[in-house]
Amino acid sequence: MSWTWRLETDDGTPLNAPPSPAHPTQSDAETWLGETWRELAVAGVAQASLFEDGDLSYGPMLLSES
């Protein structure tokens, strides 16, 4: 199993950079996003969707403090 985030602009356009690493568990993926969301937001990421082996698990989630 592989968990990855699709990082997107505010209109849902996927971003290739910065990339989301593949994670072995959903928990690892969620921890990574929780630790990096501020840096991702500065890099232009507005929202993220979580995928398990290419299938949407949930999202998009907005990356903001409000």
N, C-alpha and C. Protein backbone atom coordinates (compact mmCIF):
# COMPACT_ATOMS: atom_id res chain seq x y z
N MET A 1 0.82 -1.18 0.00
CA MET A 1 0.00 0.00 0.00
C MET A 1 0.87 1.24 0.00
N SER A 2 0.38 2.24 -0.70
CA SER A 2 1.10 3.50 -0.76
C SER A 2 0.10 4.65 -0.63
N TRP A 3 0.40 5.57 0.24
CA TRP A 3 -0.44 6.74 0.48
C TRP A 3 0.30 7.98 -0.01
N THR A 4 -0.35 8.77 -0.84
CA THR A 4 0.26 9.99 -1.36
C THR A 4 -0.77 11.12 -1.36
N TRP A 5 -0.24 12.32 -1.28
CA TRP A 5 -1.07 13.52 -1.35
C TRP A 5 -0.99 14.10 -2.75
N ARG A 6 -2.13 14.49 -3.31
CA ARG A 6 -2.13 15.30 -4.52
C ARG A 6 -2.22 16.74 -4.03
N LEU A 7 -1.18 17.49 -4.29
CA LEU A 7 -1.11 18.89 -3.87
C LEU A 7 -1.66 19.74 -4.99
N GLU A 8 -2.52 20.71 -4.64
CA GLU A 8 -3.27 21.45 -5.65
C GLU A 8 -3.29 22.95 -5.37
N THR A 9 -3.56 23.72 -6.44
CA THR A 9 -3.82 25.14 -6.30
C THR A 9 -5.24 25.32 -5.77
N ASP A 10 -5.65 26.57 -5.54
CA ASP A 10 -6.99 26.81 -4.99
C ASP A 10 -8.11 26.42 -5.94
N ASP A 11 -7.82 26.32 -7.25
CA ASP A 11 -8.86 25.90 -8.20
C ASP A 11 -8.80 24.40 -8.51
N GLY A 12 -7.96 23.66 -7.77
CA GLY A 12 -7.89 22.21 -7.94
C GLY A 12 -6.87 21.72 -8.95
N THR A 13 -6.10 22.63 -9.53
CA THR A 13 -5.07 22.22 -10.47
C THR A 13 -3.95 21.52 -9.72
N PRO A 14 -3.61 20.27 -10.12
CA PRO A 14 -2.52 19.55 -9.44
C PRO A 14 -1.17 20.25 -9.63
N LEU A 15 -0.36 20.23 -8.59
CA LEU A 15 1.00 20.78 -8.63
C LEU A 15 1.99 19.62 -8.62
N ASN A 16 3.02 19.72 -9.43
CA ASN A 16 4.07 18.69 -9.43
C ASN A 16 5.18 19.02 -8.45
N ALA A 17 5.28 20.27 -8.08
CA ALA A 17 6.32 20.68 -7.14
C ALA A 17 5.69 21.63 -6.14
N PRO A 18 5.88 21.46 -4.89
CA PRO A 18 6.71 20.41 -4.29
C PRO A 18 6.00 19.06 -4.36
N PRO A 19 6.76 17.97 -4.46
CA PRO A 19 6.14 16.65 -4.55
C PRO A 19 5.74 16.10 -3.17
N SER A 20 4.77 15.23 -3.19
CA SER A 20 4.42 14.50 -1.97
C SER A 20 5.12 13.15 -2.02
N PRO A 21 5.87 12.80 -0.98
CA PRO A 21 6.47 11.46 -0.96
C PRO A 21 5.40 10.40 -0.76
N ALA A 22 5.70 9.18 -1.15
CA ALA A 22 4.81 8.04 -0.87
C ALA A 22 5.02 7.63 0.58
N HIS A 23 3.94 7.27 1.25
CA HIS A 23 3.99 6.88 2.65
C HIS A 23 3.43 5.48 2.80
N PRO A 24 3.98 4.67 3.73
CA PRO A 24 3.51 3.29 3.88
C PRO A 24 2.15 3.17 4.58
N THR A 25 1.76 4.21 5.34
CA THR A 25 0.48 4.15 6.05
C THR A 25 -0.24 5.49 5.94
N GLN A 26 -1.54 5.46 6.16
CA GLN A 26 -2.33 6.68 6.16
C GLN A 26 -1.84 7.60 7.28
N SER A 27 -1.54 7.04 8.42
CA SER A 27 -1.05 7.82 9.55
C SER A 27 0.24 8.56 9.21
N ASP A 28 1.16 7.88 8.54
CA ASP A 28 2.41 8.52 8.13
C ASP A 28 2.14 9.68 7.17
N ALA A 29 1.22 9.47 6.24
CA ALA A 29 0.88 10.52 5.27
C ALA A 29 0.27 11.72 5.99
N GLU A 30 -0.64 11.47 6.91
CA GLU A 30 -1.28 12.56 7.64
C GLU A 30 -0.28 13.30 8.53
N THR A 31 0.63 12.57 9.13
CA THR A 31 1.67 13.21 9.94
C THR A 31 2.54 14.11 9.08
N TRP A 32 2.94 13.62 7.90
CA TRP A 32 3.77 14.42 7.00
C TRP A 32 3.06 15.72 6.63
N LEU A 33 1.78 15.63 6.27
CA LEU A 33 1.04 16.85 5.90
C LEU A 33 0.93 17.78 7.10
N GLY A 34 0.67 17.23 8.27
CA GLY A 34 0.57 18.04 9.48
C GLY A 34 1.86 18.77 9.81
N GLU A 35 2.98 18.16 9.48
CA GLU A 35 4.28 18.77 9.78
C GLU A 35 4.74 19.74 8.70
N THR A 36 4.20 19.63 7.49
CA THR A 36 4.73 20.43 6.38
C THR A 36 3.72 21.38 5.75
N TRP A 37 2.49 21.42 6.23
CA TRP A 37 1.47 22.19 5.52
C TRP A 37 1.81 23.67 5.42
N ARG A 38 2.44 24.24 6.41
CA ARG A 38 2.77 25.67 6.34
C ARG A 38 3.78 25.94 5.23
N GLU A 39 4.81 25.10 5.12
CA GLU A 39 5.80 25.26 4.05
C GLU A 39 5.16 25.03 2.68
N LEU A 40 4.26 24.05 2.62
CA LEU A 40 3.56 23.79 1.36
C LEU A 40 2.71 24.99 0.95
N ALA A 41 2.02 25.59 1.91
CA ALA A 41 1.19 26.75 1.62
C ALA A 41 2.04 27.91 1.10
N VAL A 42 3.19 28.13 1.68
CA VAL A 42 4.10 29.18 1.21
C VAL A 42 4.56 28.89 -0.22
N ALA A 43 4.70 27.61 -0.55
CA ALA A 43 5.14 27.20 -1.90
C ALA A 43 4.00 27.23 -2.92
N GLY A 44 2.80 27.63 -2.50
CA GLY A 44 1.69 27.77 -3.44
C GLY A 44 0.64 26.68 -3.39
N VAL A 45 0.78 25.74 -2.46
CA VAL A 45 -0.23 24.68 -2.32
C VAL A 45 -1.40 25.24 -1.52
N ALA A 46 -2.61 25.13 -2.06
CA ALA A 46 -3.79 25.64 -1.38
C ALA A 46 -4.63 24.54 -0.76
N GLN A 47 -4.54 23.34 -1.33
CA GLN A 47 -5.33 22.22 -0.83
C GLN A 47 -4.65 20.91 -1.17
N ALA A 48 -5.08 19.84 -0.50
CA ALA A 48 -4.47 18.52 -0.71
C ALA A 48 -5.53 17.44 -0.61
N SER A 49 -5.37 16.41 -1.43
CA SER A 49 -6.25 15.23 -1.40
C SER A 49 -5.38 14.00 -1.18
N LEU A 50 -5.87 13.10 -0.33
CA LEU A 50 -5.11 11.90 0.00
C LEU A 50 -5.57 10.72 -0.86
N PHE A 51 -4.59 10.02 -1.44
CA PHE A 51 -4.86 8.86 -2.28
C PHE A 51 -4.19 7.63 -1.71
N GLU A 52 -4.91 6.51 -1.76
CA GLU A 52 -4.36 5.21 -1.40
C GLU A 52 -4.25 4.39 -2.67
N ASP A 53 -3.03 4.08 -3.07
CA ASP A 53 -2.79 3.31 -4.30
C ASP A 53 -3.56 3.88 -5.49
N GLY A 54 -3.59 5.21 -5.59
CA GLY A 54 -4.22 5.87 -6.73
C GLY A 54 -5.70 6.14 -6.58
N ASP A 55 -6.34 5.65 -5.52
CA ASP A 55 -7.76 5.88 -5.28
C ASP A 55 -7.94 6.95 -4.22
N LEU A 56 -8.84 7.91 -4.50
CA LEU A 56 -9.09 8.99 -3.57
C LEU A 56 -9.62 8.45 -2.25
N SER A 57 -8.94 8.79 -1.16
CA SER A 57 -9.39 8.42 0.18
C SER A 57 -10.24 9.55 0.76
N TYR A 58 -9.73 10.79 0.69
CA TYR A 58 -10.50 11.96 1.06
C TYR A 58 -9.82 13.22 0.57
N GLY A 59 -10.59 14.29 0.58
CA GLY A 59 -10.07 15.59 0.16
C GLY A 59 -10.95 16.16 -0.93
N PRO A 60 -10.65 17.38 -1.30
CA PRO A 60 -9.49 18.17 -0.88
C PRO A 60 -9.70 18.84 0.49
N MET A 61 -8.58 19.02 1.15
CA MET A 61 -8.52 19.74 2.42
C MET A 61 -7.77 21.04 2.18
N LEU A 62 -8.33 22.13 2.69
CA LEU A 62 -7.66 23.42 2.55
C LEU A 62 -6.47 23.50 3.50
N LEU A 63 -5.38 24.09 3.02
CA LEU A 63 -4.20 24.30 3.85
C LEU A 63 -4.18 25.76 4.29
N SER A 64 -4.87 26.02 5.38
CA SER A 64 -4.88 27.38 5.92
C SER A 64 -5.08 27.29 7.43
N GLU A 65 -4.79 28.39 8.08
CA GLU A 65 -4.91 28.43 9.54
C GLU A 65 -6.32 28.77 9.99
N SER A 66 -7.16 29.21 9.08
CA SER A 66 -8.52 29.59 9.48
C SER A 66 -9.51 28.48 9.33
